[in-house]
Protein backbone atom coordinates (compact mmCIF):
# COMPACT_ATOMS: atom_id res chain seq x y z
CA MET A 1 45.26 60.93 75.47
CA THR A 2 49.38 61.56 75.95
CA ASP A 3 48.46 63.87 78.66
CA LYS A 4 45.76 61.14 80.61
CA VAL A 5 48.41 58.55 80.02
CA ILE A 6 51.03 60.77 81.54
CA GLU A 7 49.01 61.31 84.67
CA ASN A 8 49.30 57.61 85.44
CA ASN A 9 52.89 58.08 86.05
CA GLN A 10 54.19 60.98 88.38
CA VAL A 11 56.98 61.59 90.62
CA THR A 12 58.51 63.93 92.57
CA VAL A 13 62.29 64.08 93.90
CA MET A 14 64.32 66.73 96.14
CA GLY A 15 68.00 65.87 96.83
CA GLU A 16 71.36 66.38 96.74
CA ILE A 17 73.06 65.23 93.13
CA ILE A 18 75.77 63.38 93.80
CA SER A 19 77.73 62.56 90.83
CA ASN A 20 78.72 63.38 87.12
CA PHE A 21 76.48 63.34 84.22
CA SER A 22 76.73 59.78 82.35
CA TYR A 23 75.53 59.31 78.76
CA SER A 24 73.02 56.97 78.09
CA HIS A 25 71.37 56.67 74.49
CA GLU A 26 70.34 59.08 72.78
CA ILE A 27 66.67 59.47 70.29
CA PHE A 28 66.12 61.67 67.08
CA GLY A 29 69.35 63.72 68.02
CA GLU A 30 68.66 64.09 71.49
CA GLY A 31 71.06 63.02 74.06
CA PHE A 32 69.59 61.35 77.48
CA TYR A 33 72.40 61.33 80.51
CA MET A 34 72.15 59.82 84.21
CA VAL A 35 72.97 61.15 87.25
CA ASP A 36 72.22 59.92 90.81
CA VAL A 37 70.50 61.55 93.34
CA LYS A 38 70.71 61.50 96.99
CA VAL A 39 67.16 61.62 98.88
CA GLN A 40 66.69 62.04 102.17
CA ARG A 41 64.24 60.06 104.35
CA LEU A 42 62.24 60.76 107.61
CA SER A 43 64.88 58.90 109.12
CA GLU A 44 68.83 59.19 109.27
CA SER A 45 69.35 56.55 106.37
CA PHE A 46 68.57 58.15 102.69
CA ASP A 47 67.90 56.80 98.84
CA VAL A 48 70.18 56.94 96.06
CA ILE A 49 67.87 57.47 92.93
CA PRO A 50 69.14 57.50 89.05
CA LEU A 51 67.51 60.21 87.09
CA MET A 52 67.68 60.54 83.47
CA VAL A 53 67.72 63.68 82.32
CA SER A 54 67.54 65.26 78.49
CA GLU A 55 70.80 67.15 77.37
CA ARG A 56 68.05 70.28 76.48
CA LEU A 57 66.98 70.58 80.23
CA ILE A 58 70.33 71.10 81.87
CA ASP A 59 74.20 71.45 80.87
CA VAL A 60 75.08 68.22 81.32
CA ASN A 61 78.90 69.17 80.91
CA ALA A 62 78.52 71.08 84.20
CA ASP A 63 79.38 69.85 87.59
CA TYR A 64 76.58 69.86 89.98
CA LYS A 65 77.39 68.26 92.36
CA GLY A 66 76.60 69.11 95.99
CA LYS A 67 72.98 71.34 94.39
CA TYR A 68 69.96 70.71 95.50
CA ILE A 69 67.45 69.32 93.22
CA CYS A 70 64.07 69.14 92.18
CA VAL A 71 62.15 66.95 89.91
CA ASN A 72 58.83 66.11 87.85
CA GLY A 73 59.00 63.50 86.09
CA GLN A 74 58.33 59.43 85.78
CA PHE A 75 59.86 56.16 87.01
CA ARG A 76 60.33 54.41 84.07
CA SER A 77 61.80 50.83 83.63
CA TYR A 78 63.64 48.99 80.41
CA ASN A 79 65.18 45.63 79.94
CA ARG A 80 69.30 45.57 79.58
CA HIS A 81 70.56 42.43 78.24
CA GLU A 82 73.46 40.91 80.58
CA GLU A 83 74.86 37.65 81.69
CA ARG A 84 72.54 35.92 79.33
CA LYS A 85 69.16 37.32 80.28
CA ASN A 86 67.56 40.43 80.65
CA ARG A 87 67.49 43.05 83.43
CA LEU A 88 65.06 45.44 84.53
CA VAL A 89 66.62 48.77 84.96
CA LEU A 90 64.97 51.50 86.41
CA SER A 91 65.37 55.33 86.57
CA VAL A 92 63.36 58.63 87.23
CA PHE A 93 62.86 59.99 83.53
CA ALA A 94 62.58 63.97 84.69
CA ARG A 95 59.82 66.19 82.70
CA GLU A 96 61.05 69.63 85.11
CA ILE A 97 64.03 70.15 86.86
CA GLU A 98 64.34 73.10 88.83
CA PHE A 99 67.11 73.72 91.33
CA ALA A 100 67.14 75.12 95.28
CA ASP A 101 69.69 76.50 97.94
CA GLU A 102 68.59 73.95 100.45
CA ILE A 103 65.67 71.77 100.77
CA GLU A 104 62.93 72.30 103.59
CA GLU A 105 62.81 69.35 106.40
CA SER A 106 58.88 69.48 106.24
CA SER A 107 59.06 69.25 102.27
CA LYS A 108 57.45 66.20 100.38
CA THR A 109 61.24 64.62 98.84
CA ASN A 110 59.67 61.29 97.48
CA GLN A 111 56.55 61.25 96.08
CA ILE A 112 55.00 58.52 93.29
CA TYR A 113 51.43 57.92 92.01
CA LEU A 114 51.00 54.84 89.85
CA ASP A 115 48.10 53.57 88.32
CA GLY A 116 48.74 50.27 86.21
CA TYR A 117 47.83 46.88 85.75
CA ILE A 118 48.84 43.46 87.92
CA CYS A 119 51.21 41.50 84.97
CA LYS A 120 52.73 39.04 87.89
CA GLU A 121 51.14 36.88 90.92
CA PRO A 122 51.56 38.71 93.96
CA ILE A 123 54.29 37.30 96.33
CA TYR A 124 53.20 37.24 100.00
CA ARG A 125 55.53 36.25 103.04
CA LYS A 126 55.96 36.69 106.23
CA THR A 127 59.91 37.92 107.96
CA PRO A 128 61.38 35.64 110.73
CA LEU A 129 60.01 38.47 113.13
CA GLY A 130 56.69 37.87 111.46
CA ARG A 131 56.36 40.81 109.74
CA GLU A 132 54.12 40.54 106.27
CA ILE A 133 55.18 41.73 103.18
CA ALA A 134 53.91 41.44 99.37
CA ASP A 135 55.78 41.87 96.08
CA VAL A 136 53.96 43.58 93.36
CA LEU A 137 54.79 43.72 89.78
CA LEU A 138 52.88 46.94 88.20
CA ALA A 139 52.58 47.34 84.31
CA VAL A 140 51.49 50.96 83.80
CA ASN A 141 51.19 52.29 80.09
CA ARG A 142 52.90 54.79 78.24
CA PRO A 143 52.03 56.83 74.74
CA TYR A 144 52.34 54.31 71.42
CA GLY A 145 51.83 51.14 73.05
CA LYS A 146 54.80 51.24 75.73
CA SER A 147 54.96 49.89 79.14
CA ASP A 148 56.52 50.47 82.39
CA TYR A 149 57.61 47.82 84.73
CA ILE A 150 57.48 48.72 88.28
CA PRO A 151 58.04 46.64 91.28
CA CYS A 152 56.37 47.80 94.02
CA ILE A 153 56.99 46.61 97.88
CA CYS A 154 54.12 46.49 100.44
CA TRP A 155 54.09 45.72 104.32
CA GLY A 156 51.50 44.96 106.92
CA ARG A 157 47.76 46.00 106.12
CA ASN A 158 48.93 46.75 102.45
CA ALA A 159 50.37 43.12 101.95
CA ARG A 160 47.32 41.42 103.33
CA TYR A 161 45.13 43.85 101.05
CA ALA A 162 47.78 42.87 97.92
CA SER A 163 48.08 39.01 98.49
CA SER A 164 44.30 38.98 97.01
CA PHE A 165 44.89 40.79 93.95
CA HIS A 166 45.17 38.99 90.29
CA VAL A 167 46.86 39.59 87.57
CA GLY A 168 45.23 42.05 84.63
CA GLU A 169 42.98 43.96 87.78
CA ARG A 170 44.04 47.66 88.13
CA CYS A 171 45.21 48.88 90.89
CA ALA A 172 46.42 52.57 91.87
CA ILE A 173 49.50 53.10 94.09
CA TRP A 174 50.93 55.82 96.08
CA GLY A 175 54.08 55.19 98.05
CA ARG A 176 58.10 56.41 97.62
CA ILE A 177 61.15 55.45 95.50
CA GLN A 178 63.63 53.09 97.53
CA SER A 179 67.10 52.05 96.78
CA ARG A 180 68.21 48.96 98.39
CA GLU A 181 71.59 47.33 98.42
CA TYR A 182 72.06 43.36 98.04
CA MET A 183 74.82 41.05 96.95
CA LYS A 184 74.32 39.09 93.20
CA LYS A 185 75.81 35.62 93.50
CA LEU A 186 77.53 35.12 90.42
CA ASP A 187 79.08 31.95 91.00
CA GLU A 188 80.56 29.48 94.08
CA GLU A 189 82.82 31.94 94.80
CA HIS A 190 82.37 35.40 93.43
CA ALA A 191 79.42 38.15 94.60
CA GLU A 192 78.41 41.35 93.66
CA LYS A 193 77.13 44.07 95.39
CA ARG A 194 73.94 45.58 93.30
CA VAL A 195 71.74 48.16 94.25
CA ALA A 196 67.54 47.43 93.35
CA PHE A 197 65.44 49.55 93.07
CA GLU A 198 61.10 49.61 93.72
CA VAL A 199 58.39 51.23 94.92
CA SER A 200 58.08 51.57 98.91
CA VAL A 201 53.57 51.38 99.13
CA SER A 202 51.78 53.22 101.58
CA LYS A 203 48.35 53.53 99.75
CA MET A 204 47.06 51.27 97.39
CA GLU A 205 43.53 50.47 96.04
CA LEU A 206 41.71 48.77 93.52
CA VAL A 207 40.26 50.66 90.46
CA GLU A 208 37.27 49.17 89.44
CA ALA A 209 35.98 48.30 85.91
CA GLN A 210 32.71 50.31 86.58
CA GLU A 211 35.09 53.58 86.74
CA GLU A 212 37.37 51.98 84.18
CA GLU A 213 34.10 52.13 81.91
CA GLN A 214 32.77 55.34 83.19
CA GLU A 215 36.16 56.85 81.86
CA GLU A 216 35.81 55.11 78.34
CA GLN A 217 32.60 56.70 78.18
CA GLN A 218 33.54 60.37 78.42
CA PRO A 219 33.56 62.24 75.59
CA LEU A 220 37.32 63.34 74.45
């Protein structure tokens, strides 16, 4: 059961470590730390993706800045309470880590696959230049009754397609994780620069109920 659940949330990122490790939390005596990885896009720009890693996977006291890393894991979320409300915090949870001397230009440095459920009505809109966009929030199940809530952004044909989705429908998504800076207005005079993380969708499809029933009927 656990393996099947893990398959519904798969991430691979390759990039350069650009920060030191900072302590996040501890579970059953195992410490988890955060580190930032700079991942190149096809264009000249890049994404800075937060990585959550166990102290049992890597020496969190070492300085790895400037080193290249390949990570397989999951895209996870949790709610952090701040400013009298909950804020969704996202990071890549590392399951496997490998170091590399360099990253080939042809490497697929940023890939994600999600299989989850639409948990909020998609928001469809057009930019002033007429580009179609849709925001989708996907709930992806974890073992032991937990779920990760992953914001996804769709463009063009995918946006039109997503605009017809309804809460509760099961959806498979392929894409990449992207970081995006924005200004958060704190009051009339002050604003703060923040970074949002989301999945930029390259392909998506609804998983038919019939397919779900076939999975449930398969012998364990």
